Amino acid sequence: MIGFGIALIAINANIVEVKVRYDETCFEQASCTITVPVPETMKEPIFVYYQINNFYQNHRRYINSRSSTQLAGEVPSTAAEIKKVKEDCAPVATNEDMGITVDMNGAAVQPGDIAIPCGLIAKSVFTDSYALFESDGTTVVTINPKNIAWPSDRENKFKNPTTAKTGQWADIEDEHFIVWMRTAGLPDFRKLWGRVETEMKAGDYKVTITNSYSVKEFEGEKWFVLSTTGPFGGKNNFLAISYLAVGGVCIVVAIFFFIRWRQYSKKNL
């Protein structure tokens, strides 16, 4: 364990990670620009995350408020099916519950109809977006949003309705939406936004943020994160420290039992 912990520390030392909190800087601004200082060259692929703190996606009622059949593209047609979707998405099932007045095409929706998609997770979907630029503020650094969700989710679990998208307020097949729907286990979490597939030299980069997601209601924080990865993913000092701590405890316990064994052996001589 100690050996593996030391190896993880060495791996983490080669991972470049930059994160900037922006909810305070961009407070109540529809759009804002922040500076992201990159201290050293970052090799591709570079992963772009958003981090939210103090948001409890692991709350039981929150996790259960979704309809798997609806997210898979099935449209309820019978009274029993409609009732089941409403029960699954409770307490946010209808357009009125969601606060939705128009669909993706700009057409008005019926307040009492089932929202597509429905549920607390869909209602709270992250809506900020990012544009990354070189230090000159004009040269675009492309962020690729493709293949950021799990293949099993993209291919099997999230499909738009097979019928016309009338009444549908969000694209269920959008990968940013799919990533959000896979709930986090801890109140401070990161979710993948995209990848930069070119090398980023050291310097100050600009990020223009479409700032539409409020964290004020739950006293949260929003961070923009850039990170390279190692064989075990992103930087994780907690895991390395855990291995070192458990390994150290094992050594102390082994020494204690060795001493007790020696004392017991001498008494029996």
Protein backbone atom coordinates (compact mmCIF):
# COMPACT_ATOMS: atom_id res chain seq x y z
CA MET A 1 0.00 0.00 0.00
CA ILE A 2 2.81 2.40 0.82
CA GLY A 3 4.50 1.60 -2.47
CA PHE A 4 1.29 2.20 -4.40
CA GLY A 5 0.66 5.43 -2.48
CA ILE A 6 4.13 6.71 -3.38
CA ALA A 7 3.54 5.74 -7.01
CA LEU A 8 0.25 7.68 -7.03
CA ILE A 9 1.98 10.76 -5.61
CA ALA A 10 4.62 10.54 -8.36
CA ILE A 11 1.88 10.19 -11.01
CA ASN A 12 -0.07 13.12 -9.57
CA ALA A 13 3.04 15.27 -9.72
CA ASN A 14 3.00 14.94 -13.54
CA ILE A 15 -0.68 15.89 -13.86
CA VAL A 16 -1.31 19.56 -14.59
CA GLU A 17 -4.54 20.91 -13.15
CA VAL A 18 -5.90 24.45 -13.19
CA LYS A 19 -9.18 25.57 -11.66
CA VAL A 20 -10.73 29.00 -11.27
CA ARG A 21 -13.83 29.85 -9.26
CA TYR A 22 -16.12 32.15 -11.24
CA ASP A 23 -19.51 32.39 -9.53
CA GLU A 24 -18.32 35.37 -7.47
CA THR A 25 -16.69 37.09 -10.47
CA CYS A 26 -19.66 36.50 -12.78
CA PHE A 27 -22.34 37.12 -10.15
CA GLU A 28 -25.64 38.14 -11.78
CA GLN A 29 -23.95 38.66 -15.18
CA ALA A 30 -25.45 36.99 -18.24
CA SER A 31 -21.98 36.74 -19.77
CA CYS A 32 -18.51 37.31 -18.39
CA THR A 33 -14.86 36.58 -19.13
CA ILE A 34 -12.35 35.14 -16.68
CA THR A 35 -8.60 34.56 -16.90
CA VAL A 36 -7.28 31.02 -16.50
CA PRO A 37 -3.52 30.95 -15.82
CA VAL A 38 -1.87 27.79 -17.17
CA PRO A 39 1.46 27.45 -15.28
CA GLU A 40 3.10 24.94 -17.64
CA THR A 41 2.48 23.22 -20.96
CA MET A 42 -0.49 20.88 -20.89
CA LYS A 43 -0.34 17.92 -23.25
CA GLU A 44 -3.45 16.78 -25.06
CA PRO A 45 -6.00 15.47 -24.33
CA ILE A 46 -6.90 18.18 -21.82
CA PHE A 47 -10.18 17.62 -20.01
CA VAL A 48 -12.52 20.52 -19.38
CA TYR A 49 -14.75 20.19 -16.33
CA TYR A 50 -17.19 22.29 -14.41
CA GLN A 51 -17.14 21.85 -10.66
CA ILE A 52 -20.05 22.56 -8.36
CA ASN A 53 -19.73 22.64 -4.58
CA ASN A 54 -22.44 22.16 -1.96
CA PHE A 55 -24.97 20.55 -4.30
CA TYR A 56 -26.41 17.29 -2.95
CA GLN A 57 -27.22 15.21 -6.02
CA ASN A 58 -27.20 12.12 -3.79
CA HIS A 59 -30.43 13.08 -2.01
CA ARG A 60 -32.84 10.14 -2.25
CA ARG A 61 -35.83 12.15 -3.47
CA TYR A 62 -33.67 13.93 -6.05
CA ILE A 63 -32.18 10.71 -7.44
CA ASN A 64 -35.59 9.03 -7.76
CA SER A 65 -37.23 11.98 -9.53
CA ARG A 66 -36.83 10.78 -13.13
CA SER A 67 -38.56 8.51 -15.62
CA SER A 68 -36.20 5.97 -17.19
CA THR A 69 -38.78 4.98 -19.79
CA GLN A 70 -39.29 8.59 -20.84
CA LEU A 71 -35.52 9.21 -21.03
CA ALA A 72 -35.24 6.10 -23.24
CA GLY A 73 -37.58 7.74 -25.78
CA GLU A 74 -40.84 6.03 -24.91
CA VAL A 75 -43.97 8.19 -25.06
CA PRO A 76 -46.74 7.24 -22.59
CA SER A 77 -50.02 6.66 -24.35
CA THR A 78 -52.34 4.95 -21.87
CA ALA A 79 -53.67 6.42 -18.64
CA ALA A 80 -51.64 3.89 -16.63
CA GLU A 81 -48.40 4.82 -18.44
CA ILE A 82 -49.02 8.54 -17.95
CA LYS A 83 -49.71 7.96 -14.27
CA LYS A 84 -46.47 5.94 -13.91
CA VAL A 85 -44.36 8.70 -15.50
CA LYS A 86 -45.93 11.31 -13.23
CA GLU A 87 -45.23 9.15 -10.18
CA ASP A 88 -41.62 8.57 -11.26
CA CYS A 89 -40.96 12.28 -11.84
CA ALA A 90 -42.79 13.56 -8.74
CA PRO A 91 -42.70 16.22 -7.41
CA VAL A 92 -41.79 17.81 -10.79
CA ALA A 93 -43.78 16.12 -13.54
CA THR A 94 -45.68 18.69 -15.64
CA ASN A 95 -44.56 21.71 -17.65
CA GLU A 96 -46.07 23.91 -14.96
CA ASP A 97 -44.00 22.14 -12.29
CA MET A 98 -40.87 22.59 -14.40
CA GLY A 99 -41.58 26.26 -15.14
CA ILE A 100 -41.57 25.49 -18.88
CA THR A 101 -43.73 27.64 -21.17
CA VAL A 102 -42.25 26.89 -24.63
CA ASP A 103 -40.64 23.85 -26.24
CA MET A 104 -37.36 23.56 -28.14
CA ASN A 105 -39.00 25.01 -31.25
CA GLY A 106 -40.39 28.02 -29.41
CA ALA A 107 -43.97 26.76 -29.50
CA ALA A 108 -46.17 27.14 -26.43
CA VAL A 109 -46.69 24.05 -24.28
CA GLN A 110 -49.67 23.01 -22.20
CA PRO A 111 -49.05 23.60 -18.47
CA GLY A 112 -50.69 20.32 -17.45
CA ASP A 113 -48.84 18.10 -19.95
CA ILE A 114 -45.97 15.89 -18.81
CA ALA A 115 -42.68 17.75 -19.25
CA ILE A 116 -40.21 16.16 -21.66
CA PRO A 117 -37.95 15.48 -19.85
CA CYS A 118 -39.45 15.63 -16.36
CA GLY A 119 -38.09 15.27 -12.83
CA LEU A 120 -35.91 17.17 -10.37
CA ILE A 121 -32.62 16.14 -12.02
CA ALA A 122 -33.73 17.44 -15.41
CA LYS A 123 -35.16 20.62 -13.87
CA SER A 124 -31.81 21.45 -12.26
CA VAL A 125 -29.69 20.67 -15.35
CA PHE A 126 -26.48 22.71 -15.62
CA THR A 127 -26.84 25.42 -18.27
CA ASP A 128 -23.57 27.42 -18.24
CA SER A 129 -21.41 27.17 -21.36
CA TYR A 130 -17.78 28.02 -22.09
CA ALA A 131 -15.68 29.41 -24.94
CA LEU A 132 -11.90 29.13 -24.50
CA PHE A 133 -9.46 31.59 -26.12
CA GLU A 134 -5.73 32.23 -26.27
CA SER A 135 -4.38 35.17 -24.25
CA ASP A 136 -5.21 37.55 -27.14
CA GLY A 137 -8.90 36.91 -26.48
CA THR A 138 -9.67 36.16 -30.16
CA THR A 139 -7.88 32.92 -31.10
CA VAL A 140 -10.28 30.10 -30.28
CA VAL A 141 -9.14 26.97 -28.45
CA THR A 142 -11.60 24.31 -29.60
CA ILE A 143 -13.40 22.30 -26.92
CA ASN A 144 -14.75 19.04 -28.32
CA PRO A 145 -18.06 18.11 -26.62
CA LYS A 146 -18.35 14.68 -28.26
CA ASN A 147 -18.05 11.37 -26.42
CA ILE A 148 -18.07 12.94 -22.95
CA ALA A 149 -20.91 10.72 -21.69
CA TRP A 150 -20.65 7.01 -20.96
CA PRO A 151 -21.17 4.93 -24.15
CA SER A 152 -23.86 2.85 -22.40
CA ASP A 153 -25.78 6.04 -21.60
CA ARG A 154 -25.45 7.51 -25.09
CA GLU A 155 -26.38 4.34 -26.92
CA ASN A 156 -29.05 2.79 -24.72
CA LYS A 157 -30.46 4.96 -21.95
CA PHE A 158 -31.05 8.42 -23.43
CA LYS A 159 -33.10 8.86 -26.59
CA ASN A 160 -35.37 11.61 -27.85
CA PRO A 161 -39.01 10.58 -28.36
CA THR A 162 -39.62 8.84 -31.67
CA THR A 163 -42.57 11.16 -32.25
CA ALA A 164 -42.19 14.82 -33.23
CA LYS A 165 -40.44 16.94 -30.59
CA THR A 166 -43.59 18.94 -29.93
CA GLY A 167 -43.63 19.81 -26.26
CA GLN A 168 -40.03 18.71 -25.66
CA TRP A 169 -38.10 21.46 -23.87
CA ALA A 170 -34.60 19.87 -23.82
CA ASP A 171 -32.56 17.62 -26.10
CA ILE A 172 -32.35 14.31 -24.23
CA GLU A 173 -29.54 13.10 -26.51
CA ASP A 174 -27.36 16.14 -25.77
CA GLU A 175 -24.26 14.78 -24.04
CA HIS A 176 -24.06 17.65 -21.56
CA PHE A 177 -27.57 16.71 -20.45
CA ILE A 178 -26.64 13.02 -20.24
CA VAL A 179 -23.55 13.78 -18.12
CA TRP A 180 -25.67 15.83 -15.71
CA MET A 181 -28.25 13.06 -15.37
CA ARG A 182 -25.61 10.66 -13.99
CA THR A 183 -25.79 11.92 -10.43
CA ALA A 184 -22.75 12.49 -8.21
CA GLY A 185 -22.24 10.78 -4.86
CA LEU A 186 -20.69 13.74 -3.04
CA PRO A 187 -21.81 17.36 -2.60
CA ASP A 188 -18.64 18.70 -4.27
CA PHE A 189 -18.30 17.19 -7.72
CA ARG A 190 -16.97 17.68 -11.24
CA LYS A 191 -18.60 16.82 -14.51
CA LEU A 192 -16.92 16.60 -17.88
CA TRP A 193 -17.74 19.44 -20.29
CA GLY A 194 -15.42 18.57 -23.17
CA ARG A 195 -11.86 17.94 -24.33
CA VAL A 196 -9.14 20.15 -25.76
CA GLU A 197 -7.32 17.98 -28.29
CA THR A 198 -4.37 20.29 -28.88
CA GLU A 199 -1.44 21.19 -26.66
CA MET A 200 -1.85 24.28 -24.49
CA LYS A 201 1.30 26.29 -23.86
CA ALA A 202 1.89 28.03 -20.53
CA GLY A 203 0.19 31.41 -20.34
CA ASP A 204 -3.01 33.23 -19.47
CA TYR A 205 -6.09 32.00 -21.31
CA LYS A 206 -9.48 33.66 -21.50
CA VAL A 207 -12.78 31.89 -20.91
CA THR A 208 -16.04 33.55 -21.93
CA ILE A 209 -18.86 32.11 -19.86
CA THR A 210 -22.55 32.13 -20.63
CA ASN A 211 -23.55 32.48 -16.99
CA SER A 212 -27.11 31.22 -16.59
CA TYR A 213 -26.90 28.67 -13.76
CA SER A 214 -27.54 30.10 -10.31
CA VAL A 215 -25.89 28.58 -7.23
CA LYS A 216 -27.07 31.30 -4.86
CA GLU A 217 -30.13 29.33 -3.67
CA PHE A 218 -28.01 26.54 -2.17
CA GLU A 219 -24.93 28.66 -1.31
CA GLY A 220 -22.88 26.78 -3.86
CA GLU A 221 -19.74 27.48 -5.88
CA LYS A 222 -18.91 27.16 -9.57
CA TRP A 223 -15.42 26.40 -10.87
CA PHE A 224 -13.92 26.08 -14.35
CA VAL A 225 -11.33 23.28 -14.45
CA LEU A 226 -8.65 22.21 -16.93
CA SER A 227 -6.77 18.98 -16.24
CA THR A 228 -4.54 16.42 -17.87
CA THR A 229 -4.76 12.80 -16.70
CA GLY A 230 -2.59 9.88 -15.71
CA PRO A 231 -3.05 6.09 -15.87
CA PHE A 232 -5.61 6.28 -13.04
CA GLY A 233 -7.48 9.36 -14.24
CA GLY A 234 -7.22 12.89 -12.87
CA LYS A 235 -5.26 14.15 -9.89
CA ASN A 236 -6.36 12.40 -6.69
CA ASN A 237 -4.15 13.14 -3.70
CA PHE A 238 -6.79 11.78 -1.32
CA LEU A 239 -6.38 8.26 -2.72
CA ALA A 240 -2.59 8.44 -2.43
CA ILE A 241 -2.79 9.70 1.16
CA SER A 242 -5.30 6.97 2.01
CA TYR A 243 -2.97 4.24 0.78
CA LEU A 244 -0.05 5.73 2.72
CA ALA A 245 -2.14 6.06 5.88
CA VAL A 246 -3.50 2.51 5.75
CA GLY A 247 -0.05 1.15 4.94
CA GLY A 248 1.40 3.06 7.90
CA VAL A 249 -1.30 1.71 10.24
CA CYS A 250 -0.58 -1.84 9.03
CA ILE A 251 3.12 -1.41 9.80
CA VAL A 252 2.40 -0.06 13.30
CA VAL A 253 0.00 -2.94 14.01
CA ALA A 254 2.55 -5.46 12.67
CA ILE A 255 5.28 -4.02 14.91
CA PHE A 256 2.94 -4.15 17.92
CA PHE A 257 2.09 -7.82 17.36
CA PHE A 258 5.75 -8.67 16.71
CA ILE A 259 6.73 -7.13 20.05
CA ARG A 260 3.91 -8.95 21.83
CA TRP A 261 4.97 -12.22 20.17
CA ARG A 262 8.58 -11.72 21.32
CA GLN A 263 7.42 -11.00 24.87
CA TYR A 264 5.20 -14.10 24.84
CA SER A 265 8.04 -16.24 23.47
CA LYS A 266 10.47 -15.15 26.20
CA LYS A 267 7.94 -16.00 28.94
CA ASN A 268 7.63 -19.54 27.63
CA LEU A 269 11.36 -20.19 27.39
